[in-house]
Amino acid sequence: MKKILALVMVSLIAVTSFFASGANESKSDDGTITLTGYMQIDPANPAYAGHNAVVEAFEEAYPNIKLDIEYATGEAFHQKFQAMAASRKIPDIFTCYGGARTAYIQDPGLVLDLSDTDYLTDEFKSQFKPVTFKAQGENGELWMIPPTLAVCHVVFANRAILDELGLDYPKTFEEMIAQVPTIRAAGYYPISMGNKDQWVVNSWLLSLLVDRTGGPQWFMDAAKGENGAKFTDPAFVKTLEIIQTMCEEDLFSPGVNQMGNGEADQEFYQGKSVYLIDAGWRSGGMDSQLPTEFTENIEMHVFPAIEGEVRSNTSTAVTGEGFGIASAIKDTEKADAAWKFISFYTGEEGSKIFAQYGDIPTCNIDFSEIEMGIMQKKYAQFQEEHEMGYVFDSVMNGEGVSLLNANIQAMMMGNGDPSEIAAQYEAWVAQNDTNRE
């Protein structure tokens, strides 16, 4: 791994010369193929120990494939990648997103559409959770394979408090509301959720409600303005009405809109609230921060059933960064070598290594023989039990979502009407959102 760590660079120089041979066959006399790479990863950070271990295992399994990887993180990564894209010379393999964040390499056609190759077979896809292969381009393109998912909706429940109060996790939204007097009378808050920043309610809650009341097809139709679907439709207005009802029925702890994510977590960890609405990856922090006797009593659920819902028992998730291949090397031995790396990294071999470091992979693997934290095991089980819908702001443009979230915050404080908020958002989307182009 010293060889890999020595390649860590964040400078923005020499991008043209470094990758000038991107489309050429870099094959030595002994048959070794060299793949150039550029990844938004910091292999010196302990959080990426799983990445280092997977790369090391790949190098041992494929000694004829040499990885020449450059690493960078944050804006430095994107600035240099944009410079590469401007020169139309990008590395053979790289990390990228399935959405607009790395459109600067996708729009010019620099990324290979994996759905238009022989690599992405039904047999390969059958190893993964279905959400892994949601379309990433307007015409169904698949630019990358993500090794992990970001689950953005979980209702964590404190089983010890529920038992103390003689309650079970509610099956319906009405049952959740009915629990409020009992919970409040015992001195607890029903739900903690840190909604200070103008994205939390959208990512943790609104996305889930949209999936339940409208469904993924309606959401994509509304995003694009197709098949008559709009954000003024009853399905979307209902999601806002549910959030308004949650506030009116006193489900949230005081100051929900003035409390940050970390403060809401601590409120739940300190046993002040029965439920916590947060992201699934919070489970990793629970394992590292909380005593075993606490985590053993934490359950992971989804929002209870909603009257008239079109989908049941769902959560929401977005694929993070994944691995793509430069279109310049299509139909070459380098492309075949690149696919070997990606399929190893995201497939069963790499996923089992990742799981040992606490990550939950997109690939379906047997966790029974893998040592994991209590909450990470629950998180893995959660992903197997729930179908995933879209995360709202992974589809819709950020500026409009920020305006929507600000209006939802005002509504939660008693200033706003769901129908009017929906109409304002639809008007913004119709005029500005790139999904409507």
Protein backbone atom coordinates (compact mmCIF):
# COMPACT_ATOMS: atom_id res chain seq x y z
CA MET A 1 0.00 0.00 0.00
CA LYS A 2 2.99 2.36 0.29
CA LYS A 3 3.02 2.50 -3.50
CA ILE A 4 -0.61 3.63 -3.56
CA LEU A 5 -0.25 6.18 -0.79
CA ALA A 6 2.75 7.71 -2.55
CA LEU A 7 0.50 8.63 -5.47
CA VAL A 8 -1.70 10.96 -3.42
CA MET A 9 -1.67 14.41 -5.14
CA VAL A 10 -4.04 17.33 -5.25
CA SER A 11 -2.18 19.69 -7.58
CA LEU A 12 -3.78 20.95 -10.77
CA ILE A 13 -0.73 20.70 -13.02
CA ALA A 14 0.21 18.63 -16.04
CA VAL A 15 -3.21 17.10 -16.65
CA THR A 16 -2.71 16.89 -20.40
CA SER A 17 0.64 15.13 -20.35
CA PHE A 18 -0.25 12.87 -17.44
CA PHE A 19 -3.22 11.31 -19.23
CA ALA A 20 -2.17 11.90 -22.84
CA SER A 21 -2.03 8.18 -23.49
CA GLY A 22 -5.54 7.56 -22.12
CA ALA A 23 -6.80 5.91 -25.32
CA ASN A 24 -3.59 4.02 -26.08
CA GLU A 25 -2.77 0.46 -25.20
CA SER A 26 -0.39 0.79 -22.24
CA LYS A 27 0.72 -2.83 -22.40
CA SER A 28 4.28 -3.85 -21.60
CA ASP A 29 6.27 -6.64 -23.20
CA ASP A 30 5.40 -8.96 -20.31
CA GLY A 31 1.66 -8.44 -20.89
CA THR A 32 1.10 -5.98 -18.04
CA ILE A 33 -1.60 -3.38 -18.66
CA THR A 34 -1.34 -0.04 -16.88
CA LEU A 35 -4.57 1.73 -15.96
CA THR A 36 -4.45 5.41 -15.12
CA GLY A 37 -6.94 6.50 -12.47
CA TYR A 38 -8.30 9.57 -10.71
CA MET A 39 -10.37 9.13 -7.57
CA GLN A 40 -12.03 11.37 -4.99
CA ILE A 41 -10.64 9.39 -2.10
CA ASP A 42 -8.06 10.11 0.58
CA PRO A 43 -6.28 6.78 1.14
CA ALA A 44 -4.35 8.32 4.05
CA ASN A 45 -7.63 8.87 5.92
CA PRO A 46 -8.55 5.94 8.22
CA ALA A 47 -12.11 6.20 6.88
CA TYR A 48 -10.82 4.78 3.59
CA ALA A 49 -9.05 1.76 5.06
CA GLY A 50 -11.55 -0.46 3.24
CA HIS A 51 -10.61 1.12 -0.09
CA ASN A 52 -6.92 0.49 0.54
CA ALA A 53 -7.60 -3.12 1.45
CA VAL A 54 -9.71 -3.73 -1.68
CA VAL A 55 -7.08 -2.18 -3.98
CA GLU A 56 -4.37 -4.27 -2.36
CA ALA A 57 -6.45 -7.44 -2.82
CA PHE A 58 -7.08 -6.54 -6.47
CA GLU A 59 -3.38 -6.07 -7.15
CA GLU A 60 -2.69 -9.48 -5.66
CA ALA A 61 -5.45 -11.11 -7.72
CA TYR A 62 -4.48 -9.38 -10.99
CA PRO A 63 -0.68 -8.90 -11.04
CA ASN A 64 -0.85 -8.21 -14.79
CA ILE A 65 -2.89 -5.02 -14.20
CA LYS A 66 -0.97 -2.07 -12.82
CA LEU A 67 -2.91 0.77 -11.20
CA ASP A 68 -1.46 4.27 -11.60
CA ILE A 69 -3.96 6.21 -9.46
CA GLU A 70 -4.00 9.87 -8.51
CA TYR A 71 -6.13 10.93 -5.56
CA ALA A 72 -7.76 14.22 -4.56
CA THR A 73 -10.74 15.29 -2.47
CA GLY A 74 -13.34 18.05 -2.32
CA GLU A 75 -13.26 20.96 -4.73
CA ALA A 76 -9.63 20.23 -5.64
CA PHE A 77 -10.82 16.95 -7.15
CA HIS A 78 -13.52 18.62 -9.23
CA GLN A 79 -11.35 21.53 -10.36
CA LYS A 80 -8.70 19.23 -11.73
CA PHE A 81 -11.23 16.84 -13.25
CA GLN A 82 -12.85 19.78 -15.05
CA ALA A 83 -9.45 20.75 -16.41
CA MET A 84 -8.99 17.22 -17.67
CA ALA A 85 -12.42 17.30 -19.29
CA ALA A 86 -11.58 20.60 -21.00
CA SER A 87 -8.52 18.93 -22.54
CA ARG A 88 -10.75 15.94 -23.46
CA LYS A 89 -8.18 13.64 -21.88
CA ILE A 90 -9.33 11.86 -18.76
CA PRO A 91 -7.88 8.78 -17.02
CA ASP A 92 -8.97 5.24 -17.78
CA ILE A 93 -10.88 4.75 -14.52
CA PHE A 94 -12.25 7.33 -12.10
CA THR A 95 -14.85 8.09 -9.50
CA CYS A 96 -17.87 10.09 -10.65
CA TYR A 97 -21.52 10.67 -9.80
CA GLY A 98 -24.60 9.45 -11.57
CA GLY A 99 -26.08 12.95 -11.57
CA ALA A 100 -25.17 16.52 -12.42
CA ARG A 101 -22.21 16.85 -10.03
CA THR A 102 -19.83 15.42 -12.64
CA ALA A 103 -21.80 16.38 -15.74
CA TYR A 104 -18.63 18.05 -17.02
CA ILE A 105 -17.32 14.61 -18.04
CA GLN A 106 -20.64 12.99 -18.94
CA ASP A 107 -22.14 15.68 -21.16
CA PRO A 108 -19.11 15.78 -23.53
CA GLY A 109 -19.31 12.00 -23.96
CA LEU A 110 -16.08 11.26 -22.10
CA VAL A 111 -17.64 8.52 -19.94
CA LEU A 112 -18.50 5.07 -21.24
CA ASP A 113 -22.19 4.17 -20.99
CA LEU A 114 -21.91 0.80 -19.27
CA SER A 115 -25.45 -0.14 -20.30
CA ASP A 116 -24.23 -0.06 -23.91
CA THR A 117 -21.51 -2.68 -23.31
CA ASP A 118 -21.32 -6.42 -22.85
CA TYR A 119 -20.01 -5.95 -19.32
CA LEU A 120 -23.27 -5.20 -17.56
CA THR A 121 -24.90 -8.61 -17.90
CA ASP A 122 -28.06 -9.73 -16.13
CA GLU A 123 -25.94 -12.17 -14.17
CA PHE A 124 -23.69 -9.37 -12.91
CA LYS A 125 -26.61 -7.09 -12.07
CA SER A 126 -28.40 -9.86 -10.16
CA GLN A 127 -25.73 -9.64 -7.44
CA PHE A 128 -26.79 -6.11 -6.49
CA LYS A 129 -29.65 -4.23 -4.88
CA PRO A 130 -31.99 -2.98 -7.65
CA VAL A 131 -31.46 0.70 -6.76
CA THR A 132 -27.83 0.31 -7.84
CA PHE A 133 -28.81 0.42 -11.49
CA LYS A 134 -31.35 3.23 -11.57
CA ALA A 135 -30.86 5.26 -14.74
CA GLN A 136 -28.18 7.93 -14.36
CA GLY A 137 -28.63 9.72 -17.67
CA GLU A 138 -31.62 11.19 -19.48
CA ASN A 139 -31.74 8.24 -21.88
CA GLY A 140 -31.16 5.53 -19.30
CA GLU A 141 -27.35 5.68 -19.37
CA LEU A 142 -25.31 4.10 -16.59
CA TRP A 143 -22.09 6.01 -16.11
CA MET A 144 -20.77 4.27 -13.02
CA ILE A 145 -21.20 1.40 -10.55
CA PRO A 146 -21.51 2.59 -6.92
CA PRO A 147 -19.94 0.33 -4.26
CA THR A 148 -22.24 1.61 -1.49
CA LEU A 149 -25.63 3.27 -0.99
CA ALA A 150 -26.58 6.24 1.15
CA VAL A 151 -29.90 5.40 2.79
CA CYS A 152 -31.54 8.73 3.61
CA HIS A 153 -34.54 7.71 5.68
CA VAL A 154 -34.69 5.70 8.88
CA VAL A 155 -36.87 6.04 11.96
CA PHE A 156 -34.66 4.87 14.80
CA ALA A 157 -36.72 3.68 17.78
CA ASN A 158 -35.69 3.24 21.43
CA ARG A 159 -37.16 -0.13 22.33
CA ALA A 160 -36.44 0.32 26.04
CA ILE A 161 -38.66 3.42 26.22
CA LEU A 162 -41.39 1.78 24.12
CA ASP A 163 -41.45 -1.16 26.54
CA GLU A 164 -41.51 1.20 29.50
CA LEU A 165 -44.58 2.92 28.06
CA GLY A 166 -46.25 -0.28 26.87
CA LEU A 167 -46.06 0.77 23.24
CA ASP A 168 -45.09 -0.91 19.99
CA TYR A 169 -43.74 0.75 16.88
CA PRO A 170 -46.82 2.23 15.14
CA LYS A 171 -48.12 0.48 12.06
CA THR A 172 -49.86 3.60 10.71
CA PHE A 173 -49.35 7.37 10.83
CA GLU A 174 -52.57 7.65 12.84
CA GLU A 175 -51.17 5.23 15.45
CA MET A 176 -48.01 7.34 15.67
CA ILE A 177 -50.11 10.44 16.38
CA ALA A 178 -52.13 8.52 18.98
CA GLN A 179 -48.93 7.74 20.91
CA VAL A 180 -48.11 11.41 21.50
CA PRO A 181 -50.12 11.93 24.72
CA THR A 182 -48.62 8.84 26.36
CA ILE A 183 -45.09 9.78 25.34
CA ARG A 184 -45.45 13.41 26.41
CA ALA A 185 -47.09 12.49 29.73
CA ALA A 186 -44.07 10.32 30.56
CA GLY A 187 -41.72 13.26 29.97
CA TYR A 188 -40.30 12.17 26.60
CA TYR A 189 -40.34 13.79 23.16
CA PRO A 190 -41.92 11.70 20.38
CA ILE A 191 -39.48 12.48 17.53
CA SER A 192 -36.08 14.17 17.29
CA MET A 193 -35.01 15.61 13.93
CA GLY A 194 -32.44 18.37 13.48
CA ASN A 195 -33.95 20.63 10.81
CA LYS A 196 -31.80 23.73 11.25
CA ASP A 197 -30.16 23.39 7.83
CA GLN A 198 -32.38 23.78 4.80
CA TRP A 199 -31.98 20.26 3.45
CA VAL A 200 -32.77 17.93 6.36
CA VAL A 201 -36.56 17.79 6.10
CA ASN A 202 -36.22 17.19 2.36
CA SER A 203 -33.63 14.43 2.56
CA TRP A 204 -34.79 12.65 5.71
CA LEU A 205 -38.59 12.97 5.43
CA LEU A 206 -40.11 14.67 2.37
CA SER A 207 -38.40 12.26 -0.04
CA LEU A 208 -39.92 9.29 1.77
CA LEU A 209 -43.40 10.83 1.82
CA VAL A 210 -43.20 11.59 -1.91
CA ASP A 211 -42.27 7.97 -2.59
CA ARG A 212 -45.23 6.74 -0.55
CA THR A 213 -47.92 9.12 -1.79
CA GLY A 214 -46.86 9.50 -5.42
CA GLY A 215 -44.41 6.72 -6.17
CA PRO A 216 -41.17 6.86 -8.18
CA GLN A 217 -42.82 7.07 -11.61
CA TRP A 218 -45.04 9.98 -10.60
CA PHE A 219 -42.05 11.75 -9.08
CA MET A 220 -39.96 11.44 -12.24
CA ASP A 221 -42.94 12.52 -14.36
CA ALA A 222 -43.44 15.59 -12.13
CA ALA A 223 -39.72 16.38 -12.25
CA LYS A 224 -39.76 16.34 -16.06
CA GLY A 225 -43.28 17.73 -16.48
CA GLU A 226 -44.42 14.64 -18.35
CA ASN A 227 -47.71 12.75 -18.47
CA GLY A 228 -49.52 15.69 -16.90
CA ALA A 229 -47.73 15.33 -13.56
CA LYS A 230 -46.95 18.49 -11.58
CA PHE A 231 -45.91 19.40 -8.05
CA THR A 232 -49.36 20.90 -7.53
CA ASP A 233 -50.86 17.38 -7.74
CA PRO A 234 -52.62 16.01 -4.65
CA ALA A 235 -49.81 13.49 -4.08
CA PHE A 236 -47.26 16.25 -3.44
CA VAL A 237 -49.62 18.52 -1.51
CA LYS A 238 -50.37 15.57 0.78
CA THR A 239 -46.70 15.16 1.68
CA LEU A 240 -46.63 18.77 2.89
CA GLU A 241 -49.88 18.28 4.78
CA ILE A 242 -48.40 15.30 6.62
CA ILE A 243 -45.40 17.35 7.75
CA GLN A 244 -47.74 20.14 8.82
CA THR A 245 -49.85 17.64 10.77
CA MET A 246 -46.76 16.26 12.50
CA CYS A 247 -46.05 19.75 13.82
CA GLU A 248 -49.66 20.47 14.78
CA GLU A 249 -49.88 17.15 16.65
CA ASP A 250 -46.68 17.94 18.59
CA LEU A 251 -44.64 14.99 17.27
CA PHE A 252 -41.35 16.87 17.06
CA SER A 253 -39.24 17.95 20.00
CA PRO A 254 -39.11 21.71 20.77
CA GLY A 255 -37.02 23.83 18.45
CA VAL A 256 -36.90 21.28 15.64
CA ASN A 257 -36.04 24.04 13.15
CA GLN A 258 -33.34 25.55 15.36
CA MET A 259 -31.62 22.24 16.12
CA GLY A 260 -28.78 20.80 14.06
CA ASN A 261 -28.36 17.17 13.11
CA GLY A 262 -25.83 16.49 15.84
CA GLU A 263 -28.04 18.06 18.51
CA ALA A 264 -31.00 15.90 17.46
CA ASP A 265 -28.81 12.80 17.59
CA GLN A 266 -27.65 13.65 21.10
CA GLU A 267 -31.23 14.24 22.22
CA PHE A 268 -32.05 10.70 21.12
CA TYR A 269 -28.83 9.21 22.50
CA GLN A 270 -29.54 10.76 25.89
CA GLY A 271 -32.90 8.99 26.05
CA LYS A 272 -34.97 12.17 25.78
CA SER A 273 -36.92 11.06 22.67
CA VAL A 274 -38.53 7.82 21.56
CA TYR A 275 -37.79 8.18 17.84
CA LEU A 276 -35.09 9.76 15.69
CA ILE A 277 -35.59 10.53 11.98
CA ASP A 278 -32.18 10.47 10.32
CA ALA A 279 -30.08 8.76 7.66
CA GLY A 280 -29.16 5.10 7.73
CA TRP A 281 -25.43 5.72 7.85
CA ARG A 282 -25.91 7.22 11.33
CA SER A 283 -25.75 3.60 12.50
CA GLY A 284 -21.96 3.60 12.12
CA GLY A 285 -21.63 6.52 14.51
CA MET A 286 -23.93 4.81 16.99
CA ASP A 287 -21.65 1.78 17.08
CA SER A 288 -18.61 3.93 17.75
CA GLN A 289 -20.18 6.43 20.18
CA LEU A 290 -22.74 4.53 22.22
CA PRO A 291 -22.54 1.71 24.78
CA THR A 292 -23.63 -1.77 23.75
CA GLU A 293 -26.57 -1.80 26.14
CA PHE A 294 -27.98 1.24 24.31
CA THR A 295 -27.46 0.04 20.73
CA GLU A 296 -28.95 -3.35 21.55
CA ASN A 297 -32.23 -1.55 22.26
CA ILE A 298 -32.27 0.57 19.08
CA GLU A 299 -34.51 -0.56 16.24
CA MET A 300 -34.46 0.67 12.64
CA HIS A 301 -37.84 1.26 11.02
CA VAL A 302 -39.37 3.29 8.21
CA PHE A 303 -42.18 5.82 8.48
CA PRO A 304 -45.47 4.01 9.24
CA ALA A 305 -48.15 3.41 6.64
CA ILE A 306 -50.00 6.44 5.25
CA GLU A 307 -53.66 6.30 4.27
CA GLY A 308 -53.94 6.00 0.48
CA GLU A 309 -50.23 5.39 -0.08
CA VAL A 310 -49.22 3.89 -3.41
CA ARG A 311 -46.09 2.22 -2.00
CA SER A 312 -45.59 0.58 1.38
CA ASN A 313 -42.69 -0.13 3.72
CA THR A 314 -40.20 1.79 1.59
CA SER A 315 -37.21 3.95 2.43
CA THR A 316 -35.14 6.20 0.16
CA ALA A 317 -31.54 6.02 -0.97
CA VAL A 318 -29.11 7.63 -3.32
CA THR A 319 -26.05 6.07 -4.83
CA GLY A 320 -22.89 7.87 -3.92
CA GLU A 321 -19.82 8.08 -6.08
CA GLY A 322 -19.03 5.08 -8.20
CA PHE A 323 -16.48 3.92 -10.74
CA GLY A 324 -16.61 4.79 -14.40
CA ILE A 325 -14.55 4.05 -17.51
CA ALA A 326 -13.31 6.53 -20.11
CA SER A 327 -15.15 6.19 -23.42
CA ALA A 328 -11.81 6.71 -25.20
CA ILE A 329 -10.72 3.17 -24.33
CA LYS A 330 -13.93 1.45 -25.41
CA ASP A 331 -13.42 -1.96 -27.08
CA THR A 332 -9.79 -2.23 -25.96
CA GLU A 333 -7.87 -4.48 -23.60
CA LYS A 334 -7.59 -1.51 -21.27
CA ALA A 335 -11.38 -1.31 -21.07
CA ASP A 336 -11.50 -5.01 -20.22
CA ALA A 337 -8.91 -4.45 -17.50
CA ALA A 338 -10.86 -1.47 -16.20
CA TRP A 339 -13.99 -3.58 -15.96
CA LYS A 340 -12.07 -6.25 -14.05
CA PHE A 341 -11.15 -3.59 -11.50
CA ILE A 342 -14.70 -2.22 -11.21
CA SER A 343 -16.36 -5.63 -11.03
CA PHE A 344 -13.85 -6.77 -8.40
CA TYR A 345 -14.19 -3.59 -6.35
CA THR A 346 -18.00 -3.46 -6.37
CA GLY A 347 -18.66 -7.20 -6.63
CA GLU A 348 -18.56 -9.96 -4.06
CA GLU A 349 -14.78 -9.98 -3.53
CA GLY A 350 -14.46 -6.28 -2.81
CA SER A 351 -17.76 -6.03 -0.97
CA LYS A 352 -16.78 -8.66 1.58
CA ILE A 353 -13.64 -6.68 2.32
CA PHE A 354 -15.59 -3.43 2.60
CA ALA A 355 -18.05 -5.01 5.02
CA GLN A 356 -15.18 -5.92 7.33
CA TYR A 357 -14.47 -2.19 7.62
CA GLY A 358 -18.04 -1.28 8.50
CA ASP A 359 -19.43 -0.37 5.06
CA ILE A 360 -22.68 -1.80 3.70
CA PRO A 361 -22.13 -2.59 0.01
CA THR A 362 -24.58 -2.41 -2.88
CA CYS A 363 -23.66 -6.01 -3.65
CA ASN A 364 -25.73 -8.62 -1.84
CA ILE A 365 -23.37 -10.64 0.33
CA ASP A 366 -23.69 -13.01 3.27
CA PHE A 367 -22.98 -10.99 6.40
CA SER A 368 -23.25 -13.93 8.79
CA GLU A 369 -19.51 -14.59 8.87
CA ILE A 370 -18.42 -10.94 8.86
CA GLU A 371 -17.62 -9.23 12.14
CA MET A 372 -19.65 -6.03 12.34
CA GLY A 373 -20.98 -3.60 14.91
CA ILE A 374 -24.47 -4.10 16.32
CA MET A 375 -26.00 -1.17 14.44
CA GLN A 376 -24.13 -1.96 11.23
CA LYS A 377 -25.68 -5.43 11.26
CA LYS A 378 -29.09 -3.85 11.69
CA TYR A 379 -28.32 -1.42 8.87
CA ALA A 380 -27.39 -4.28 6.55
CA GLN A 381 -30.64 -6.07 7.41
CA PHE A 382 -32.60 -2.84 6.92
CA GLN A 383 -31.34 -2.50 3.35
CA GLU A 384 -32.40 -6.04 2.57
CA GLU A 385 -35.91 -5.51 3.94
CA HIS A 386 -36.88 -2.21 2.31
CA GLU A 387 -37.21 -1.14 -1.29
CA MET A 388 -35.62 2.24 -1.96
CA GLY A 389 -37.20 5.29 -3.59
CA TYR A 390 -35.60 8.47 -4.89
CA VAL A 391 -34.06 11.15 -2.70
CA PHE A 392 -35.73 14.40 -3.75
CA ASP A 393 -32.66 16.60 -4.08
CA SER A 394 -30.72 13.94 -5.96
CA VAL A 395 -33.12 14.60 -8.85
CA MET A 396 -34.32 18.20 -8.48
CA ASN A 397 -32.08 21.27 -8.82
CA GLY A 398 -30.59 22.53 -5.59
CA GLU A 399 -31.69 26.17 -5.76
CA GLY A 400 -35.34 25.24 -6.07
CA VAL A 401 -35.08 22.63 -3.31
CA SER A 402 -33.57 25.25 -1.00
CA LEU A 403 -36.52 27.55 -1.65
CA LEU A 404 -38.92 24.67 -1.02
CA ASN A 405 -37.17 23.72 2.21
CA ALA A 406 -37.30 27.31 3.47
CA ASN A 407 -41.06 27.34 2.84
CA ILE A 408 -41.46 24.01 4.63
CA GLN A 409 -39.55 25.35 7.63
CA ALA A 410 -41.87 28.36 7.75
CA MET A 411 -44.89 26.05 7.51
CA MET A 412 -43.56 23.96 10.38
CA MET A 413 -43.49 27.15 12.47
CA GLY A 414 -47.09 27.93 11.56
CA ASN A 415 -46.56 30.18 8.54
CA GLY A 416 -47.49 28.52 5.28
CA ASP A 417 -50.16 26.62 3.40
CA PRO A 418 -49.30 23.27 1.72
CA SER A 419 -51.17 24.07 -1.49
CA GLU A 420 -49.52 27.48 -1.81
CA ILE A 421 -46.07 26.05 -1.12
CA ALA A 422 -46.64 23.37 -3.77
CA ALA A 423 -47.79 26.01 -6.28
CA GLN A 424 -44.73 28.19 -5.62
CA TYR A 425 -42.40 25.24 -6.08
CA GLU A 426 -44.11 24.10 -9.28
CA ALA A 427 -43.81 27.63 -10.67
CA TRP A 428 -40.08 27.69 -9.91
CA VAL A 429 -39.51 24.25 -11.43
CA ALA A 430 -41.44 25.12 -14.59
CA GLN A 431 -39.29 28.20 -15.14
CA ASN A 432 -35.90 27.08 -13.90
CA ASP A 433 -35.32 23.40 -13.18
CA THR A 434 -33.16 21.66 -15.76
CA ASN A 435 -35.35 18.54 -15.55
CA ARG A 436 -37.97 20.50 -17.51
CA GLU A 437 -35.64 21.36 -20.40
